[in-house]
Amino acid sequence: MTEYRFEVSAEEAGSRVDACLARRLPLLSQTKLRGLIATGAASLAGNTLSIGQRLKAHDVVGFRFDPARTPCCYPEAIPVEVLREDPCFAVVNKPAGMLVHPTKGVKRGTLTNRLLAFLNPRLTSVEVRPEGGEPTLWPRFVHRLDRETSGAILLAKDSGSAASLGRALASGQFTKSYLAIVCGHLPLERYEVREPIQRYDDAPPHWRTGEDGQEAFSIVEPLRSLGKRLTLCRLQPVTGRTNQLRIHCSHLGAPILGDVLYGGEAAARLMLHAGSLEFPHPVGEERVSVSAPVPQAFREAWPADWPVLLEP
């Protein structure tokens, strides 16, 4: 158990205990921080502080907790491939097999861990931030990518940009294009798949097509075939349901290579890659277009010359 002690500055005078501690311990979640305060972790002159109690300048606050046992999203200084960045947003290339967010059982090795370190080079631990320190930048992801899917993912750097991009996504102003290698032969024509998707609790896969599900719309465009074994496709998710592209490809009788859950052949990885992303800039009227390079695993899984037209 460690006790951190700090003196309340003149600028912090009048702040609630939870708000003041949140600035000093930026990597602790608000929920965890308030829970610790409620159990008596914060004190002033030997007296326990409540969550909403107001602090005065020069108060010396103590806060006791065990960093090794307290759930927290730690920054990890591991390289991340940045495809495009400006003060409002960043688009990064997520590797296959990496979670975007920490979960109850996985606290390290996620894209969030890496981006915390990338956005905040001086942020290295949960220790109390010195007075006057820079605010912590949290990656605010605008959309999702499954763990096994690689490619371009967009994050906002501030709440205003996140709100603007979220509205643009909800109103259909985003264009997302994926690359997939699917099992079997699909004729070279455009497919519009509008099968609703719902959750089932009986047996995996828990997300499948169903009449009572949510509206789901995907466009599947086969580009090249290798006989009856494999087809290279460009996919566009018009809506954004869980596992939508995987489910819709399986519905067409062409599950994605590596997607054993939905009937695909086993492979080194799920052959689904978020290849390009287009969206309105959160400030101004510019349309931003970003491409993620084709992964080497795709080239190795496609036993033929790789199509030049798919190079970013």
Protein backbone atom coordinates (compact mmCIF):
# COMPACT_ATOMS: atom_id res chain seq x y z
CA MET A 1 0.00 0.00 0.00
CA THR A 2 1.35 3.43 -0.97
CA GLU A 3 0.28 6.84 0.31
CA TYR A 4 0.61 9.82 -1.99
CA ARG A 5 0.58 13.28 -0.40
CA PHE A 6 0.18 16.59 -2.19
CA GLU A 7 -0.64 20.21 -1.40
CA VAL A 8 -3.70 21.77 -2.99
CA SER A 9 -2.70 24.72 -5.19
CA ALA A 10 -4.45 28.08 -5.32
CA GLU A 11 -5.87 27.14 -8.74
CA GLU A 12 -7.33 23.92 -7.31
CA ALA A 13 -8.95 25.64 -4.32
CA GLY A 14 -12.69 24.92 -4.24
CA SER A 15 -12.35 21.69 -6.22
CA ARG A 16 -14.11 18.53 -5.11
CA VAL A 17 -11.91 15.78 -3.74
CA ASP A 18 -12.66 13.41 -6.63
CA ALA A 19 -11.98 16.09 -9.26
CA CYS A 20 -8.69 17.10 -7.68
CA LEU A 21 -7.49 13.51 -7.38
CA ALA A 22 -8.54 12.75 -10.97
CA ARG A 23 -6.17 15.46 -12.19
CA ARG A 24 -3.37 14.12 -10.03
CA LEU A 25 -3.94 10.44 -10.89
CA PRO A 26 -4.97 10.59 -14.55
CA LEU A 27 -4.70 6.85 -15.29
CA LEU A 28 -7.21 5.77 -12.66
CA SER A 29 -10.77 5.51 -13.94
CA GLN A 30 -13.37 7.79 -12.38
CA THR A 31 -15.28 4.76 -11.13
CA LYS A 32 -12.25 3.21 -9.43
CA LEU A 33 -11.12 6.54 -7.99
CA ARG A 34 -14.52 7.29 -6.43
CA GLY A 35 -14.74 3.75 -5.11
CA LEU A 36 -11.41 4.15 -3.33
CA ILE A 37 -12.43 7.52 -1.86
CA ALA A 38 -15.70 5.98 -0.62
CA THR A 39 -13.72 3.33 1.28
CA GLY A 40 -11.65 5.98 3.10
CA ALA A 41 -8.56 6.17 0.90
CA ALA A 42 -8.41 10.00 0.93
CA SER A 43 -7.62 11.95 4.08
CA LEU A 44 -6.85 15.45 5.35
CA ALA A 45 -5.11 16.02 8.71
CA GLY A 46 -6.01 12.49 9.77
CA ASN A 47 -9.69 12.81 8.84
CA THR A 48 -11.31 10.84 6.02
CA LEU A 49 -12.46 12.90 3.04
CA SER A 50 -15.74 12.36 1.19
CA ILE A 51 -16.08 12.41 -2.59
CA GLY A 52 -17.81 15.78 -2.87
CA GLN A 53 -15.94 17.60 -0.12
CA ARG A 54 -14.37 20.88 -1.24
CA LEU A 55 -10.67 21.52 -0.74
CA LYS A 56 -8.88 24.73 0.22
CA ALA A 57 -5.55 26.09 -0.97
CA HIS A 58 -2.59 24.57 0.92
CA ASP A 59 -4.59 21.59 2.20
CA VAL A 60 -2.28 18.57 2.33
CA VAL A 61 -4.21 15.57 1.02
CA GLY A 62 -3.19 11.96 1.51
CA PHE A 63 -4.39 9.16 -0.76
CA ARG A 64 -3.65 5.49 -0.07
CA PHE A 65 -3.91 2.65 -2.61
CA ASP A 66 -1.89 -0.21 -4.05
CA PRO A 67 -0.80 0.59 -7.66
CA ALA A 68 0.10 -3.06 -8.27
CA ARG A 69 -3.43 -4.24 -7.47
CA THR A 70 -5.50 -1.31 -8.70
CA PRO A 71 -7.06 -1.77 -12.18
CA CYS A 72 -5.61 0.86 -14.44
CA CYS A 73 -4.78 1.42 -18.08
CA TYR A 74 -1.01 1.79 -18.10
CA PRO A 75 0.85 3.45 -20.97
CA GLU A 76 3.18 1.11 -22.87
CA ALA A 77 5.93 2.64 -24.99
CA ILE A 78 5.57 0.16 -27.86
CA PRO A 79 5.71 1.51 -31.44
CA VAL A 80 2.42 2.17 -33.20
CA GLU A 81 2.12 2.79 -36.95
CA VAL A 82 0.55 6.21 -37.46
CA LEU A 83 -1.00 6.63 -40.91
CA ARG A 84 -2.08 10.25 -40.49
CA GLU A 85 -2.21 12.68 -37.59
CA ASP A 86 -3.06 16.28 -36.80
CA PRO A 87 -4.03 18.14 -33.57
CA CYS A 88 -7.62 16.82 -33.73
CA PHE A 89 -7.25 13.15 -34.66
CA ALA A 90 -4.97 10.27 -35.57
CA VAL A 91 -5.45 7.25 -37.82
CA VAL A 92 -3.31 4.26 -36.87
CA ASN A 93 -2.76 0.81 -38.37
CA LYS A 94 -3.94 -1.75 -35.82
CA PRO A 95 -2.21 -5.15 -36.03
CA ALA A 96 -4.30 -8.33 -36.16
CA GLY A 97 -4.68 -10.07 -32.81
CA MET A 98 -4.61 -6.87 -30.75
CA LEU A 99 -7.53 -5.65 -28.65
CA VAL A 100 -8.48 -1.99 -29.03
CA HIS A 101 -9.53 -1.50 -25.39
CA PRO A 102 -8.48 -3.19 -22.15
CA THR A 103 -10.96 -5.73 -20.80
CA LYS A 104 -11.58 -7.25 -17.38
CA GLY A 105 -9.00 -9.93 -18.10
CA VAL A 106 -6.58 -8.06 -20.40
CA LYS A 107 -4.98 -4.88 -19.04
CA ARG A 108 -1.78 -4.79 -21.08
CA GLY A 109 -0.85 -5.02 -24.75
CA THR A 110 -3.93 -3.27 -26.13
CA LEU A 111 -3.96 -0.45 -28.66
CA THR A 112 -5.14 1.91 -25.91
CA ASN A 113 -2.03 1.12 -23.85
CA ARG A 114 0.22 1.95 -26.79
CA LEU A 115 -1.63 5.12 -27.70
CA LEU A 116 -1.56 6.44 -24.14
CA ALA A 117 2.23 6.36 -24.34
CA PHE A 118 2.26 7.77 -27.89
CA LEU A 119 -0.02 10.70 -27.05
CA ASN A 120 1.61 11.36 -23.65
CA PRO A 121 5.37 10.69 -23.92
CA ARG A 122 6.01 11.81 -20.31
CA LEU A 123 3.23 9.68 -18.81
CA THR A 124 4.89 6.56 -17.41
CA SER A 125 2.97 5.48 -14.29
CA VAL A 126 -0.02 6.07 -12.01
CA GLU A 127 2.02 8.29 -9.72
CA VAL A 128 0.73 11.71 -8.76
CA ARG A 129 1.13 14.27 -11.51
CA PRO A 130 3.10 17.36 -10.42
CA GLU A 131 1.22 20.63 -10.12
CA GLY A 132 1.09 22.36 -13.49
CA GLY A 133 1.55 19.13 -15.44
CA GLU A 134 0.11 18.77 -18.93
CA PRO A 135 -3.39 17.24 -19.21
CA THR A 136 -3.58 13.59 -20.20
CA LEU A 137 -4.72 12.88 -23.75
CA TRP A 138 -6.93 9.78 -23.97
CA PRO A 139 -7.52 8.07 -27.31
CA ARG A 140 -11.23 8.45 -28.11
CA PHE A 141 -11.95 5.78 -30.73
CA VAL A 142 -14.63 6.83 -33.21
CA HIS A 143 -15.37 3.31 -34.51
CA ARG A 144 -14.40 -0.29 -33.76
CA LEU A 145 -12.23 -3.06 -35.12
CA ASP A 146 -12.46 -6.66 -33.93
CA ARG A 147 -9.42 -8.13 -32.21
CA GLU A 148 -8.48 -10.29 -35.20
CA THR A 149 -9.05 -7.54 -37.80
CA SER A 150 -6.16 -5.31 -38.83
CA GLY A 151 -6.07 -1.91 -40.47
CA ALA A 152 -7.03 1.74 -40.21
CA ILE A 153 -8.78 2.91 -37.04
CA LEU A 154 -9.62 6.52 -36.21
CA LEU A 155 -9.30 8.19 -32.82
CA ALA A 156 -10.08 11.73 -31.71
CA LYS A 157 -7.74 13.61 -29.39
CA ASP A 158 -10.33 15.79 -27.66
CA SER A 159 -14.01 15.72 -26.75
CA GLY A 160 -15.03 18.28 -29.39
CA SER A 161 -13.41 16.33 -32.23
CA ALA A 162 -14.87 13.09 -30.87
CA ALA A 163 -18.38 14.56 -30.87
CA SER A 164 -18.00 15.97 -34.39
CA LEU A 165 -16.65 12.72 -35.81
CA GLY A 166 -19.29 10.70 -33.97
CA ARG A 167 -22.06 12.78 -35.55
CA ALA A 168 -20.49 12.36 -38.99
CA LEU A 169 -20.29 8.59 -38.53
CA ALA A 170 -23.90 8.36 -37.36
CA SER A 171 -25.13 10.43 -40.33
CA GLY A 172 -23.40 8.22 -42.91
CA GLN A 173 -20.55 10.58 -43.84
CA PHE A 174 -17.87 7.90 -43.37
CA THR A 175 -16.71 5.50 -46.08
CA LYS A 176 -14.95 2.38 -44.81
CA SER A 177 -13.44 -0.13 -47.22
CA TYR A 178 -12.10 -3.53 -46.16
CA LEU A 179 -10.04 -6.12 -47.97
CA ALA A 180 -10.86 -9.80 -47.46
CA ILE A 181 -9.85 -13.18 -48.82
CA VAL A 182 -12.90 -15.43 -48.69
CA CYS A 183 -13.25 -19.18 -49.13
CA GLY A 184 -14.81 -20.48 -52.32
CA HIS A 185 -15.71 -18.83 -55.60
CA LEU A 186 -17.87 -15.71 -55.91
CA PRO A 187 -18.80 -14.48 -59.40
CA LEU A 188 -17.40 -11.03 -60.15
CA GLU A 189 -20.52 -9.02 -59.46
CA ARG A 190 -21.66 -6.61 -56.75
CA TYR A 191 -23.58 -8.08 -53.82
CA GLU A 192 -25.76 -6.12 -51.40
CA VAL A 193 -26.35 -8.10 -48.21
CA ARG A 194 -29.13 -6.79 -45.95
CA GLU A 195 -29.56 -9.65 -43.48
CA PRO A 196 -30.40 -8.43 -39.92
CA ILE A 197 -28.01 -9.49 -37.17
CA GLN A 198 -28.97 -10.47 -33.64
CA ARG A 199 -27.43 -12.01 -30.55
CA TYR A 200 -28.12 -15.60 -29.52
CA ASP A 201 -27.23 -17.04 -26.12
CA ASP A 202 -27.57 -20.73 -27.03
CA ALA A 203 -24.17 -21.54 -28.56
CA PRO A 204 -21.37 -19.75 -30.41
CA PRO A 205 -21.23 -17.86 -32.61
CA HIS A 206 -23.47 -15.66 -30.50
CA TRP A 207 -23.96 -13.09 -33.28
CA ARG A 208 -25.81 -14.46 -36.31
CA THR A 209 -28.42 -13.44 -38.87
CA GLY A 210 -32.00 -13.45 -37.63
CA GLU A 211 -35.36 -11.95 -38.47
CA ASP A 212 -35.58 -10.13 -35.12
CA GLY A 213 -32.10 -8.63 -35.38
CA GLN A 214 -30.90 -5.11 -36.06
CA GLU A 215 -30.73 -3.80 -39.59
CA ALA A 216 -27.38 -4.60 -41.22
CA PHE A 217 -26.18 -3.68 -44.70
CA SER A 218 -22.90 -4.70 -46.36
CA ILE A 219 -21.61 -4.38 -49.92
CA VAL A 220 -19.41 -7.22 -51.18
CA GLU A 221 -17.41 -6.67 -54.37
CA PRO A 222 -15.35 -9.66 -55.59
CA LEU A 223 -12.16 -8.52 -57.33
CA ARG A 224 -10.38 -11.73 -58.40
CA SER A 225 -10.84 -15.48 -57.98
CA LEU A 226 -8.40 -18.36 -57.80
CA GLY A 227 -10.50 -21.12 -59.27
CA LYS A 228 -13.03 -22.43 -56.78
CA ARG A 229 -10.82 -22.09 -53.72
CA LEU A 230 -10.40 -18.37 -52.91
CA THR A 231 -11.84 -15.00 -53.89
CA LEU A 232 -10.34 -11.61 -53.14
CA CYS A 233 -13.03 -9.09 -52.16
CA ARG A 234 -13.53 -5.47 -51.29
CA LEU A 235 -16.10 -5.08 -48.51
CA GLN A 236 -18.00 -1.99 -47.39
CA PRO A 237 -19.97 -2.02 -44.13
CA VAL A 238 -22.76 0.53 -44.54
CA THR A 239 -23.98 -0.19 -41.01
CA GLY A 240 -21.76 -1.24 -38.12
CA ARG A 241 -23.06 -4.34 -36.35
CA THR A 242 -20.92 -6.76 -34.36
CA ASN A 243 -19.03 -9.15 -36.68
CA GLN A 244 -21.13 -7.81 -39.58
CA LEU A 245 -18.72 -8.44 -42.46
CA ARG A 246 -17.81 -11.89 -41.17
CA ILE A 247 -21.48 -12.86 -40.81
CA HIS A 248 -22.53 -11.47 -44.20
CA CYS A 249 -19.68 -13.17 -46.06
CA SER A 250 -20.63 -16.46 -44.40
CA HIS A 251 -24.27 -15.83 -45.39
CA LEU A 252 -23.14 -15.59 -49.03
CA GLY A 253 -21.51 -19.00 -48.70
CA ALA A 254 -18.04 -17.44 -48.77
CA PRO A 255 -16.74 -17.20 -45.18
CA ILE A 256 -13.56 -15.24 -44.65
CA LEU A 257 -10.35 -17.27 -44.73
CA GLY A 258 -9.19 -17.87 -41.16
CA ASP A 259 -12.67 -17.31 -39.72
CA VAL A 260 -13.27 -20.80 -38.33
CA LEU A 261 -16.10 -19.51 -36.12
CA TYR A 262 -18.21 -18.67 -39.16
CA GLY A 263 -17.23 -21.62 -41.34
CA GLY A 264 -13.97 -20.46 -42.91
CA GLU A 265 -10.85 -22.54 -43.45
CA ALA A 266 -8.09 -22.27 -40.85
CA ALA A 267 -5.30 -19.82 -41.68
CA ALA A 268 -2.47 -17.89 -40.04
CA ARG A 269 -4.93 -15.10 -39.17
CA LEU A 270 -8.35 -13.71 -40.04
CA MET A 271 -7.95 -12.39 -43.60
CA LEU A 272 -9.91 -9.19 -42.99
CA HIS A 273 -8.18 -5.81 -43.19
CA ALA A 274 -9.54 -2.26 -42.88
CA GLY A 275 -7.80 -0.96 -45.97
CA SER A 276 -9.10 2.60 -46.28
CA LEU A 277 -11.11 5.19 -44.41
CA GLU A 278 -12.64 8.46 -45.59
CA PHE A 279 -14.33 10.98 -43.31
CA PRO A 280 -14.96 14.72 -42.87
CA HIS A 281 -12.35 16.58 -40.85
CA PRO A 282 -13.80 17.51 -37.44
CA VAL A 283 -12.85 21.16 -38.04
CA GLY A 284 -13.56 22.67 -41.46
CA GLU A 285 -14.82 21.06 -44.65
CA GLU A 286 -11.86 18.91 -45.75
CA ARG A 287 -12.49 15.25 -46.62
CA VAL A 288 -9.74 13.09 -45.14
CA SER A 289 -8.75 9.89 -46.95
CA VAL A 290 -6.33 7.39 -45.38
CA SER A 291 -5.11 3.96 -46.57
CA ALA A 292 -3.45 1.17 -44.60
CA PRO A 293 -0.88 -1.01 -46.41
CA VAL A 294 -1.78 -4.58 -47.33
CA PRO A 295 -0.44 -6.94 -44.61
CA GLN A 296 2.25 -9.41 -45.56
CA ALA A 297 0.03 -12.25 -44.35
CA PHE A 298 -2.44 -11.46 -47.14
CA ARG A 299 0.25 -11.71 -49.78
CA GLU A 300 1.39 -15.03 -48.37
CA ALA A 301 -2.16 -16.42 -48.27
CA TRP A 302 -2.88 -15.43 -51.88
CA PRO A 303 -0.88 -17.87 -54.06
CA ALA A 304 -0.60 -15.57 -57.06
CA ASP A 305 0.79 -12.18 -58.01
CA TRP A 306 -0.62 -9.57 -55.67
CA PRO A 307 -2.95 -7.13 -57.51
CA VAL A 308 -1.25 -3.77 -57.98
CA LEU A 309 -4.62 -2.04 -57.83
CA LEU A 310 -4.82 -2.76 -54.09
CA GLU A 311 -1.58 -1.00 -53.20
CA PRO A 312 -2.24 2.15 -51.16
